Amino acid sequence: MTDFFKAILFLNYGLLLSIILLGAAKYRILNNKEKQYFHCIAFLFFIELLNLVLPYIFNLNDTSFLYPLYIAGEFFLITALFIRKLELPKYLIWVTALLATIFMVSKYIYDYPFNSDIVKVVSNIIIICLSGFALIREIKGVSVPNRFLLADACIFFYYSVSVFIFIIQHQIANLSENDYYIILSANNILSSILYCSFLYTFIKLKK
């Protein structure tokens, strides 16, 4: 199971790199709201690159200190994306930025909350609500044409299922190593689906 987990993990690295290269090539044809998708992927690529580089190049095996940065950055970038798409009040972007900053300060300085997964689940639920509302507007036809509709649907799907994976993971008291890698592999497969939706969207983009 470990080998399968690593195979999916490196597949995701390849997909992220492909999206970054393709997205950079087509960055000029993106409007201001669509550029936010590229910023989100670039941030995820940066975090994954650090997770890969630090252990193998700098022999820093514990990269858990990146987890709060990942949660806060992901939360801010994706919520800001949908706040702009839904044309919600702009001050909400500052509110999400403040919440992300408070979490990082609280975690890095005071180590609170002790379990960052709690914040991860809450942030996922907020992302689910925003992306779901965006999809409902798209179905009703009250929004402008959305070239990233597939990506929006996959964002909603990925974060919805991820919440259940986190809950299941913490409900099982004693996970065997095999069960642990099964759960991680399931989450990585969901990530692969999400990344493929971005890759397909960028490939189809035209002026």
Protein backbone atom coordinates (compact mmCIF):
# COMPACT_ATOMS: atom_id res chain seq x y z
CA MET A 1 0.00 0.00 0.00
CA THR A 2 2.95 2.31 0.63
CA ASP A 3 4.10 1.97 -2.97
CA PHE A 4 0.61 2.79 -4.25
CA PHE A 5 0.50 5.87 -2.00
CA LYS A 6 3.87 7.07 -3.33
CA ALA A 7 2.81 6.45 -6.93
CA ILE A 8 -0.31 8.61 -6.53
CA LEU A 9 1.69 11.23 -4.65
CA PHE A 10 4.26 11.61 -7.43
CA LEU A 11 1.47 11.58 -10.01
CA ASN A 12 0.05 14.61 -8.21
CA TYR A 13 3.44 16.31 -8.28
CA GLY A 14 3.53 15.80 -12.04
CA LEU A 15 -0.02 17.11 -12.48
CA LEU A 16 0.72 20.19 -10.39
CA LEU A 17 3.86 20.94 -12.38
CA SER A 18 1.94 20.52 -15.65
CA ILE A 19 -0.80 22.89 -14.46
CA ILE A 20 1.77 25.49 -13.37
CA LEU A 21 3.56 25.41 -16.74
CA LEU A 22 0.34 25.45 -18.77
CA GLY A 23 -1.30 28.04 -16.54
CA ALA A 24 1.73 30.32 -16.78
CA ALA A 25 1.64 30.02 -20.58
CA LYS A 26 -2.04 31.03 -20.67
CA TYR A 27 -1.96 33.51 -17.78
CA ARG A 28 -2.41 36.51 -20.10
CA ILE A 29 -5.75 35.29 -21.44
CA LEU A 30 -7.22 34.88 -17.95
CA ASN A 31 -9.45 37.59 -16.55
CA ASN A 32 -8.84 38.93 -13.04
CA LYS A 33 -11.18 36.42 -11.37
CA GLU A 34 -9.76 33.47 -13.30
CA LYS A 35 -6.19 34.39 -12.36
CA GLN A 36 -7.10 33.50 -8.79
CA TYR A 37 -7.33 29.83 -9.84
CA PHE A 38 -3.72 29.95 -10.99
CA HIS A 39 -2.68 31.62 -7.72
CA CYS A 40 -4.35 28.81 -5.74
CA ILE A 41 -2.57 26.11 -7.75
CA ALA A 42 0.74 27.99 -7.51
CA PHE A 43 0.40 28.08 -3.72
CA LEU A 44 -0.38 24.35 -3.53
CA PHE A 45 2.60 23.64 -5.79
CA PHE A 46 4.83 25.75 -3.52
CA ILE A 47 3.73 23.82 -0.42
CA GLU A 48 4.14 20.43 -2.12
CA LEU A 49 7.57 21.49 -3.42
CA LEU A 50 8.68 22.36 0.11
CA ASN A 51 7.36 19.01 1.38
CA LEU A 52 9.43 17.29 -1.29
CA VAL A 53 12.59 19.40 -1.10
CA LEU A 54 13.01 19.74 2.66
CA PRO A 55 13.25 15.99 3.47
CA TYR A 56 15.22 14.86 0.41
CA ILE A 57 17.61 17.78 0.01
CA PHE A 58 17.88 19.33 3.46
CA ASN A 59 17.24 16.11 5.45
CA LEU A 60 14.42 17.82 7.35
CA ASN A 61 12.09 14.87 7.87
CA ASP A 62 9.47 16.71 9.94
CA THR A 63 7.62 19.18 7.73
CA SER A 64 4.51 19.36 9.90
CA PHE A 65 5.28 23.04 10.59
CA LEU A 66 4.06 23.75 7.04
CA TYR A 67 0.58 22.42 7.79
CA PRO A 68 -0.83 25.60 9.42
CA LEU A 69 0.58 27.68 6.54
CA TYR A 70 -1.08 25.31 4.08
CA ILE A 71 -4.45 25.51 5.86
CA ALA A 72 -4.39 29.30 6.18
CA GLY A 73 -3.16 29.95 2.64
CA GLU A 74 -5.57 27.50 1.05
CA PHE A 75 -8.49 28.94 3.03
CA PHE A 76 -7.70 32.54 2.14
CA LEU A 77 -7.01 31.99 -1.57
CA ILE A 78 -10.03 29.78 -2.29
CA THR A 79 -12.51 31.80 -0.23
CA ALA A 80 -11.23 35.01 -1.87
CA LEU A 81 -11.73 33.35 -5.26
CA PHE A 82 -15.39 32.56 -4.64
CA ILE A 83 -16.10 35.84 -2.85
CA ARG A 84 -14.98 37.63 -6.04
CA LYS A 85 -16.89 35.23 -8.33
CA LEU A 86 -20.08 35.61 -6.30
CA GLU A 87 -19.57 39.39 -6.16
CA LEU A 88 -19.96 39.40 -2.39
CA PRO A 89 -18.88 42.47 -0.38
CA LYS A 90 -15.12 42.98 -0.76
CA TYR A 91 -14.63 43.42 2.98
CA LEU A 92 -15.26 39.67 3.33
CA ILE A 93 -11.88 39.08 1.68
CA TRP A 94 -10.26 41.08 4.46
CA VAL A 95 -12.24 39.07 7.00
CA THR A 96 -10.92 35.78 5.60
CA ALA A 97 -7.39 37.22 5.49
CA LEU A 98 -7.74 38.22 9.14
CA LEU A 99 -9.04 34.77 10.13
CA ALA A 100 -6.15 33.07 8.30
CA THR A 101 -3.62 35.37 9.99
CA ILE A 102 -5.13 34.84 13.44
CA PHE A 103 -4.95 31.08 12.97
CA MET A 104 -1.27 31.15 11.94
CA VAL A 105 -0.30 33.48 14.80
CA SER A 106 -2.26 31.37 17.29
CA LYS A 107 -0.75 28.12 16.03
CA TYR A 108 2.86 29.16 15.56
CA ILE A 109 3.15 31.25 18.73
CA TYR A 110 0.73 29.62 21.18
CA ASP A 111 0.25 26.19 19.54
CA TYR A 112 -3.53 26.64 19.68
CA PRO A 113 -5.57 24.77 18.68
CA PHE A 114 -3.43 21.74 19.37
CA ASN A 115 -5.17 19.77 16.61
CA SER A 116 -5.00 21.79 13.37
CA ASP A 117 -7.35 19.33 11.67
CA ILE A 118 -10.24 21.02 13.49
CA VAL A 119 -9.48 24.26 11.68
CA LYS A 120 -8.96 22.32 8.45
CA VAL A 121 -12.46 20.82 8.66
CA VAL A 122 -14.05 24.20 9.44
CA SER A 123 -12.23 25.86 6.54
CA ASN A 124 -13.29 23.02 4.23
CA ILE A 125 -16.93 23.48 5.23
CA ILE A 126 -16.74 27.21 4.44
CA ILE A 127 -15.18 26.42 1.04
CA ILE A 128 -17.92 23.83 0.39
CA CYS A 129 -20.63 26.41 1.11
CA LEU A 130 -19.09 29.06 -1.16
CA SER A 131 -18.35 26.69 -4.04
CA GLY A 132 -21.81 25.09 -3.70
CA PHE A 133 -23.49 28.48 -3.86
CA ALA A 134 -21.42 29.33 -6.96
CA LEU A 135 -22.58 26.09 -8.63
CA ILE A 136 -26.22 26.79 -7.75
CA ARG A 137 -25.96 30.22 -9.37
CA GLU A 138 -24.43 28.61 -12.44
CA ILE A 139 -27.28 26.08 -12.66
CA LYS A 140 -29.86 28.86 -12.36
CA GLY A 141 -28.07 30.77 -15.09
CA VAL A 142 -27.75 33.98 -13.08
CA SER A 143 -23.97 34.22 -13.38
CA VAL A 144 -21.71 35.15 -16.27
CA PRO A 145 -20.33 32.30 -18.46
CA ASN A 146 -17.94 30.26 -16.35
CA ARG A 147 -14.96 28.74 -18.12
CA PHE A 148 -13.91 27.10 -14.85
CA LEU A 149 -17.21 25.35 -14.17
CA LEU A 150 -15.59 21.90 -14.15
CA ALA A 151 -12.92 23.13 -11.73
CA ASP A 152 -15.60 24.63 -9.46
CA ALA A 153 -17.53 21.34 -9.44
CA CYS A 154 -14.38 19.39 -8.60
CA ILE A 155 -13.48 21.84 -5.84
CA PHE A 156 -16.91 21.27 -4.31
CA PHE A 157 -16.56 17.49 -4.69
CA TYR A 158 -12.99 17.34 -3.35
CA TYR A 159 -13.60 19.38 -0.20
CA SER A 160 -16.94 17.70 0.52
CA VAL A 161 -15.40 14.23 0.49
CA SER A 162 -12.26 15.42 2.30
CA VAL A 163 -14.38 16.49 5.27
CA PHE A 164 -15.75 12.97 5.61
CA ILE A 165 -12.26 11.49 5.24
CA PHE A 166 -10.95 13.67 8.06
CA ILE A 167 -13.91 12.76 10.28
CA ILE A 168 -13.52 9.03 9.58
CA GLN A 169 -9.78 9.23 10.18
CA HIS A 170 -10.24 10.74 13.62
CA GLN A 171 -13.12 8.46 14.59
CA ILE A 172 -10.93 5.40 14.20
CA ALA A 173 -8.95 5.17 17.40
CA ASN A 174 -6.15 2.87 16.29
CA LEU A 175 -5.27 3.01 12.63
CA SER A 176 -2.94 0.36 11.30
CA GLU A 177 -0.21 1.54 8.95
CA ASN A 178 -2.05 -0.03 6.03
CA ASP A 179 -5.34 1.69 6.93
CA TYR A 180 -3.51 4.99 7.32
CA TYR A 181 -2.05 4.76 3.82
CA ILE A 182 -5.42 3.72 2.40
CA ILE A 183 -6.99 6.91 3.76
CA LEU A 184 -4.10 9.06 2.52
CA SER A 185 -4.24 7.38 -0.88
CA ALA A 186 -7.99 8.04 -1.13
CA ASN A 187 -7.41 11.71 -0.41
CA ASN A 188 -4.58 11.83 -2.96
CA ILE A 189 -6.82 10.25 -5.61
CA LEU A 190 -9.35 13.00 -4.96
CA SER A 191 -6.53 15.52 -5.38
CA SER A 192 -5.64 13.89 -8.71
CA ILE A 193 -9.23 14.35 -9.94
CA LEU A 194 -9.15 18.00 -8.87
CA TYR A 195 -5.80 18.63 -10.57
CA CYS A 196 -6.97 16.89 -13.75
CA SER A 197 -9.98 19.22 -13.88
CA PHE A 198 -7.62 22.21 -13.73
CA LEU A 199 -5.33 20.72 -16.36
CA TYR A 200 -8.26 20.02 -18.70
CA THR A 201 -9.63 23.53 -18.16
CA PHE A 202 -6.31 25.21 -18.94
CA ILE A 203 -5.87 23.03 -22.05
CA LYS A 204 -9.31 24.08 -23.35
CA LEU A 205 -8.84 27.77 -22.65
CA LYS A 206 -8.84 30.03 -25.67
CA LYS A 207 -8.78 33.80 -26.10
